[in-house]
Amino acid sequence: MSLAGTLPGIGAWIRDSASTRFILKGEEINGYRLNNVKYLEVTLINGDQEHILFMSISTGNMTPPQKASVRPQPKKTPTKNPSTKGTSGDRACIGRSRGSGPQGTGGQASYGSL
């Protein structure tokens, strides 16, 4: 049997060959009575013999993590933007109908030179 977990003063999770079960203080498992439950430790009694089980905590892989390698980033070279003449991107205000421009312009929008 091995100790899988404790609830101090109340009960413990005890693992045997078949399964893991929660046993309350005073109950029996495989002929042993759960007498005392502390943090990570229990006392089992079988007749006049006392057996103490300690919880074994696994720390997993003890190998420290390795530093990640830094990949050099390719240098970005500025790319030339193709001419935007003839596209509507810079001329969003062209083609507005009368009355849609700023006040005082008589409906003609003048947003700078094209």
N, C-alpha and C. Protein backbone atom coordinates (compact mmCIF):
# COMPACT_ATOMS: atom_id res chain seq x y z
N MET A 1 0.85 -1.18 0.00
CA MET A 1 0.00 0.00 0.00
C MET A 1 0.89 1.23 0.00
N SER A 2 0.34 2.32 -0.59
CA SER A 2 1.05 3.59 -0.57
C SER A 2 0.05 4.72 -0.38
N LEU A 3 0.56 5.83 0.08
CA LEU A 3 -0.27 6.99 0.37
C LEU A 3 -0.35 7.86 -0.87
N ALA A 4 -1.58 8.16 -1.32
CA ALA A 4 -1.78 8.98 -2.51
C ALA A 4 -2.19 10.41 -2.16
N GLY A 5 -2.70 10.64 -0.95
CA GLY A 5 -3.12 11.98 -0.56
C GLY A 5 -3.69 11.97 0.85
N THR A 6 -3.70 13.15 1.47
CA THR A 6 -4.23 13.23 2.83
C THR A 6 -5.19 14.41 2.98
N LEU A 7 -6.11 14.26 3.89
CA LEU A 7 -6.98 15.32 4.36
C LEU A 7 -6.81 15.28 5.88
N PRO A 8 -5.83 16.06 6.40
CA PRO A 8 -5.44 15.94 7.81
C PRO A 8 -6.62 15.93 8.78
N GLY A 9 -6.58 14.93 9.67
CA GLY A 9 -7.61 14.77 10.68
C GLY A 9 -8.88 14.12 10.19
N ILE A 10 -9.02 13.90 8.90
CA ILE A 10 -10.28 13.39 8.34
C ILE A 10 -10.10 12.04 7.65
N GLY A 11 -9.20 11.96 6.68
CA GLY A 11 -9.04 10.73 5.92
C GLY A 11 -7.87 10.82 4.96
N ALA A 12 -7.70 9.74 4.20
CA ALA A 12 -6.57 9.68 3.28
C ALA A 12 -6.93 8.84 2.06
N TRP A 13 -6.26 9.15 0.96
CA TRP A 13 -6.36 8.35 -0.25
C TRP A 13 -5.23 7.34 -0.19
N ILE A 14 -5.60 6.07 -0.15
CA ILE A 14 -4.61 5.00 -0.04
C ILE A 14 -4.69 4.14 -1.29
N ARG A 15 -3.53 3.91 -1.88
CA ARG A 15 -3.42 3.14 -3.11
C ARG A 15 -2.97 1.73 -2.75
N ASP A 16 -3.74 0.74 -3.21
CA ASP A 16 -3.29 -0.65 -3.06
C ASP A 16 -3.09 -1.22 -4.46
N SER A 17 -2.93 -2.52 -4.58
CA SER A 17 -2.62 -3.10 -5.89
C SER A 17 -3.76 -2.96 -6.88
N ALA A 18 -4.99 -2.80 -6.41
CA ALA A 18 -6.14 -2.75 -7.31
C ALA A 18 -6.61 -1.33 -7.65
N SER A 19 -6.57 -0.43 -6.67
CA SER A 19 -7.12 0.90 -6.90
C SER A 19 -6.66 1.89 -5.82
N THR A 20 -7.16 3.10 -5.94
CA THR A 20 -6.94 4.12 -4.91
C THR A 20 -8.29 4.43 -4.30
N ARG A 21 -8.34 4.39 -2.97
CA ARG A 21 -9.62 4.63 -2.27
C ARG A 21 -9.43 5.68 -1.19
N PHE A 22 -10.50 6.44 -0.93
CA PHE A 22 -10.50 7.39 0.16
C PHE A 22 -11.02 6.68 1.40
N ILE A 23 -10.21 6.68 2.47
CA ILE A 23 -10.56 6.00 3.73
C ILE A 23 -10.68 7.05 4.83
N LEU A 24 -11.79 7.04 5.55
CA LEU A 24 -11.96 7.95 6.68
C LEU A 24 -11.21 7.43 7.90
N LYS A 25 -10.80 8.35 8.75
CA LYS A 25 -10.12 8.00 10.00
C LYS A 25 -11.01 7.01 10.77
N GLY A 26 -10.43 5.88 11.20
CA GLY A 26 -11.18 4.84 11.92
C GLY A 26 -11.63 3.70 11.03
N GLU A 27 -11.68 3.88 9.72
CA GLU A 27 -12.07 2.81 8.82
C GLU A 27 -10.88 1.90 8.54
N GLU A 28 -11.19 0.71 7.96
CA GLU A 28 -10.15 -0.28 7.67
C GLU A 28 -9.95 -0.47 6.18
N ILE A 29 -8.71 -0.79 5.82
CA ILE A 29 -8.35 -1.17 4.46
C ILE A 29 -7.33 -2.30 4.55
N ASN A 30 -7.63 -3.41 3.90
CA ASN A 30 -6.74 -4.59 3.89
C ASN A 30 -6.31 -5.02 5.29
N GLY A 31 -7.20 -4.95 6.26
CA GLY A 31 -6.90 -5.38 7.62
C GLY A 31 -6.23 -4.32 8.49
N TYR A 32 -5.95 -3.14 7.95
CA TYR A 32 -5.33 -2.05 8.70
C TYR A 32 -6.36 -0.95 8.97
N ARG A 33 -6.37 -0.44 10.19
CA ARG A 33 -7.27 0.65 10.56
C ARG A 33 -6.51 1.96 10.47
N LEU A 34 -7.15 2.96 9.83
CA LEU A 34 -6.55 4.29 9.71
C LEU A 34 -6.71 5.00 11.05
N ASN A 35 -5.60 5.19 11.73
CA ASN A 35 -5.62 5.73 13.09
C ASN A 35 -5.40 7.24 13.14
N ASN A 36 -4.44 7.74 12.38
CA ASN A 36 -4.10 9.16 12.46
C ASN A 36 -3.76 9.66 11.05
N VAL A 37 -4.20 10.89 10.75
CA VAL A 37 -3.93 11.47 9.44
C VAL A 37 -3.33 12.85 9.63
N LYS A 38 -2.10 13.00 9.16
CA LYS A 38 -1.41 14.29 9.18
C LYS A 38 -1.13 14.70 7.74
N TYR A 39 -0.58 15.88 7.57
CA TYR A 39 -0.20 16.35 6.24
C TYR A 39 0.89 15.43 5.68
N LEU A 40 0.61 14.74 4.59
CA LEU A 40 1.52 13.83 3.89
C LEU A 40 1.96 12.61 4.71
N GLU A 41 1.20 12.27 5.75
CA GLU A 41 1.57 11.13 6.61
C GLU A 41 0.33 10.54 7.27
N VAL A 42 0.28 9.20 7.33
CA VAL A 42 -0.82 8.52 8.04
C VAL A 42 -0.25 7.42 8.92
N THR A 43 -1.01 7.06 9.95
CA THR A 43 -0.65 5.94 10.81
C THR A 43 -1.74 4.89 10.67
N LEU A 44 -1.31 3.67 10.31
CA LEU A 44 -2.21 2.53 10.21
C LEU A 44 -1.92 1.57 11.35
N ILE A 45 -2.96 0.95 11.88
CA ILE A 45 -2.80 0.02 12.99
C ILE A 45 -3.35 -1.35 12.58
N ASN A 46 -2.55 -2.39 12.86
CA ASN A 46 -2.96 -3.77 12.64
C ASN A 46 -2.67 -4.51 13.94
N GLY A 47 -3.71 -4.69 14.75
CA GLY A 47 -3.52 -5.31 16.06
C GLY A 47 -2.76 -4.35 16.96
N ASP A 48 -1.60 -4.80 17.45
CA ASP A 48 -0.80 -3.92 18.30
C ASP A 48 0.37 -3.28 17.53
N GLN A 49 0.40 -3.47 16.21
CA GLN A 49 1.47 -2.89 15.38
C GLN A 49 1.02 -1.60 14.73
N GLU A 50 1.91 -0.64 14.75
CA GLU A 50 1.68 0.66 14.12
C GLU A 50 2.55 0.77 12.87
N HIS A 51 1.95 1.21 11.78
CA HIS A 51 2.68 1.40 10.53
C HIS A 51 2.45 2.83 10.04
N ILE A 52 3.53 3.50 9.73
CA ILE A 52 3.42 4.88 9.24
C ILE A 52 3.69 4.88 7.74
N LEU A 53 2.79 5.51 6.99
CA LEU A 53 2.97 5.68 5.55
C LEU A 53 3.24 7.16 5.28
N PHE A 54 4.25 7.42 4.50
CA PHE A 54 4.57 8.78 4.09
C PHE A 54 4.23 8.94 2.61
N MET A 55 3.80 10.10 2.25
CA MET A 55 3.47 10.35 0.85
C MET A 55 4.74 10.72 0.10
N SER A 56 4.96 10.04 -0.99
CA SER A 56 6.12 10.31 -1.83
C SER A 56 5.68 11.29 -2.92
N ILE A 57 6.36 12.42 -2.99
CA ILE A 57 6.01 13.43 -3.98
C ILE A 57 7.04 13.39 -5.10
N SER A 58 6.57 13.18 -6.28
CA SER A 58 7.44 13.15 -7.45
C SER A 58 7.66 14.57 -7.94
N THR A 59 8.90 14.90 -8.23
CA THR A 59 9.20 16.24 -8.73
C THR A 59 9.34 16.24 -10.24
N GLY A 60 9.11 15.11 -10.86
CA GLY A 60 9.18 15.05 -12.31
C GLY A 60 10.61 15.07 -12.80
N ASN A 61 10.81 15.59 -13.96
CA ASN A 61 12.13 15.65 -14.58
C ASN A 61 12.99 16.68 -13.86
N MET A 62 14.09 16.27 -13.31
CA MET A 62 14.96 17.18 -12.55
C MET A 62 15.97 17.89 -13.44
N THR A 63 15.95 17.62 -14.74
CA THR A 63 16.87 18.29 -15.65
C THR A 63 16.38 19.72 -15.84
N PRO A 64 17.25 20.71 -15.59
CA PRO A 64 16.80 22.09 -15.75
C PRO A 64 16.48 22.39 -17.21
N PRO A 65 15.51 23.27 -17.44
CA PRO A 65 15.18 23.59 -18.83
C PRO A 65 16.35 24.25 -19.53
N GLN A 66 16.49 23.96 -20.79
CA GLN A 66 17.58 24.52 -21.57
C GLN A 66 17.17 25.88 -22.12
N LYS A 67 18.15 26.76 -22.27
CA LYS A 67 17.89 28.08 -22.82
C LYS A 67 17.54 27.93 -24.29
N ALA A 68 16.49 28.58 -24.69
CA ALA A 68 16.07 28.51 -26.09
C ALA A 68 17.07 29.25 -26.96
N SER A 69 17.36 28.68 -28.10
CA SER A 69 18.29 29.34 -29.01
C SER A 69 17.56 30.49 -29.71
N VAL A 70 18.31 31.54 -29.97
CA VAL A 70 17.74 32.71 -30.62
C VAL A 70 18.08 32.66 -32.10
N ARG A 71 17.07 32.66 -32.92
CA ARG A 71 17.29 32.63 -34.35
C ARG A 71 17.49 34.07 -34.84
N PRO A 72 18.50 34.28 -35.66
CA PRO A 72 18.66 35.64 -36.20
C PRO A 72 17.51 35.95 -37.14
N GLN A 73 16.95 37.12 -36.97
CA GLN A 73 15.84 37.55 -37.81
C GLN A 73 16.40 38.14 -39.10
N PRO A 74 15.82 37.80 -40.25
CA PRO A 74 16.32 38.38 -41.49
C PRO A 74 16.05 39.88 -41.49
N LYS A 75 17.02 40.63 -42.03
CA LYS A 75 16.86 42.07 -42.09
C LYS A 75 15.80 42.41 -43.12
N LYS A 76 14.92 43.30 -42.74
CA LYS A 76 13.87 43.72 -43.65
C LYS A 76 14.39 44.87 -44.49
N THR A 77 14.30 44.71 -45.78
CA THR A 77 14.71 45.79 -46.68
C THR A 77 13.47 46.53 -47.11
N PRO A 78 13.55 47.85 -47.12
CA PRO A 78 12.35 48.60 -47.53
C PRO A 78 12.02 48.29 -48.98
N THR A 79 10.73 48.09 -49.22
CA THR A 79 10.29 47.83 -50.59
C THR A 79 9.67 49.09 -51.14
N LYS A 80 9.87 49.30 -52.42
CA LYS A 80 9.30 50.48 -53.06
C LYS A 80 7.84 50.20 -53.35
N ASN A 81 6.99 51.16 -52.97
CA ASN A 81 5.57 51.03 -53.26
C ASN A 81 5.34 51.42 -54.70
N PRO A 82 4.58 50.64 -55.43
CA PRO A 82 4.27 51.01 -56.81
C PRO A 82 3.46 52.29 -56.82
N SER A 83 3.52 53.00 -57.90
CA SER A 83 2.80 54.26 -58.04
C SER A 83 1.32 54.04 -57.81
N THR A 84 0.70 54.96 -57.10
CA THR A 84 -0.72 54.81 -56.81
C THR A 84 -1.56 55.66 -57.74
N LYS A 85 -0.97 56.21 -58.79
CA LYS A 85 -1.76 56.98 -59.75
C LYS A 85 -2.78 56.07 -60.40
N GLY A 86 -3.96 56.62 -60.54
CA GLY A 86 -5.01 55.86 -61.18
C GLY A 86 -5.78 54.98 -60.21
N THR A 87 -5.40 54.92 -58.95
CA THR A 87 -6.15 54.12 -57.99
C THR A 87 -7.02 55.05 -57.17
N SER A 88 -8.00 54.52 -56.55
CA SER A 88 -8.92 55.34 -55.77
C SER A 88 -8.45 55.52 -54.34
N GLY A 89 -7.33 54.93 -53.95
CA GLY A 89 -6.88 55.00 -52.57
C GLY A 89 -6.60 56.42 -52.11
N ASP A 90 -5.96 57.24 -52.94
CA ASP A 90 -5.64 58.60 -52.55
C ASP A 90 -6.70 59.59 -53.00
N ARG A 91 -7.68 59.13 -53.70
CA ARG A 91 -8.68 60.03 -54.27
C ARG A 91 -10.07 59.68 -53.77
N ALA A 92 -10.19 59.44 -52.52
CA ALA A 92 -11.46 59.00 -51.96
C ALA A 92 -12.53 60.07 -52.07
N CYS A 93 -12.15 61.33 -52.17
CA CYS A 93 -13.15 62.39 -52.17
C CYS A 93 -13.60 62.78 -53.57
N ILE A 94 -13.01 62.26 -54.61
CA ILE A 94 -13.40 62.61 -55.98
C ILE A 94 -14.70 61.91 -56.33
N GLY A 95 -15.53 62.64 -57.05
CA GLY A 95 -16.76 62.04 -57.52
C GLY A 95 -17.91 62.20 -56.55
N ARG A 96 -17.78 63.06 -55.57
CA ARG A 96 -18.90 63.27 -54.66
C ARG A 96 -19.98 64.08 -55.36
N SER A 97 -21.19 63.85 -54.99
CA SER A 97 -22.29 64.59 -55.60
C SER A 97 -22.44 65.95 -54.95
N ARG A 98 -23.18 66.83 -55.59
CA ARG A 98 -23.40 68.18 -55.09
C ARG A 98 -23.98 68.14 -53.69
N GLY A 99 -23.51 69.05 -52.87
CA GLY A 99 -24.05 69.17 -51.51
C GLY A 99 -23.36 68.26 -50.51
N SER A 100 -22.48 67.44 -50.97
CA SER A 100 -21.84 66.52 -50.03
C SER A 100 -20.52 67.05 -49.51
N GLY A 101 -20.03 68.16 -50.07
CA GLY A 101 -18.75 68.71 -49.66
C GLY A 101 -18.88 69.59 -48.42
N PRO A 102 -17.79 70.21 -48.00
CA PRO A 102 -17.82 71.06 -46.82
C PRO A 102 -18.72 72.27 -47.05
N GLN A 103 -19.26 72.81 -45.99
CA GLN A 103 -20.14 73.98 -46.10
C GLN A 103 -19.37 75.15 -46.66
N GLY A 104 -20.05 75.95 -47.46
CA GLY A 104 -19.44 77.15 -48.01
C GLY A 104 -18.66 76.90 -49.27
N THR A 105 -18.65 75.72 -49.80
CA THR A 105 -17.92 75.47 -51.05
C THR A 105 -18.88 75.26 -52.20
N GLY A 106 -20.14 75.42 -51.95
CA GLY A 106 -21.12 75.25 -53.02
C GLY A 106 -21.21 73.83 -53.52
N GLY A 107 -20.92 72.90 -52.70
CA GLY A 107 -21.02 71.51 -53.09
C GLY A 107 -19.75 70.96 -53.72
N GLN A 108 -18.80 71.83 -54.03
CA GLN A 108 -17.55 71.37 -54.61
C GLN A 108 -16.59 71.04 -53.48
N ALA A 109 -16.05 69.87 -53.49
CA ALA A 109 -15.10 69.48 -52.47
C ALA A 109 -13.70 69.86 -52.91
N SER A 110 -12.96 70.53 -52.05
CA SER A 110 -11.57 70.83 -52.39
C SER A 110 -10.70 70.33 -51.26
N TYR A 111 -10.15 69.17 -51.43
CA TYR A 111 -9.37 68.51 -50.41
C TYR A 111 -7.88 68.52 -50.73
N GLY A 112 -7.42 69.40 -51.50
CA GLY A 112 -6.02 69.44 -51.85
C GLY A 112 -5.83 69.07 -53.30
N SER A 113 -4.64 69.20 -53.76
CA SER A 113 -4.38 68.93 -55.18
C SER A 113 -4.23 67.44 -55.43
N LEU A 114 -4.59 67.08 -56.65
CA LEU A 114 -4.47 65.66 -57.03
C LEU A 114 -3.39 65.48 -58.02
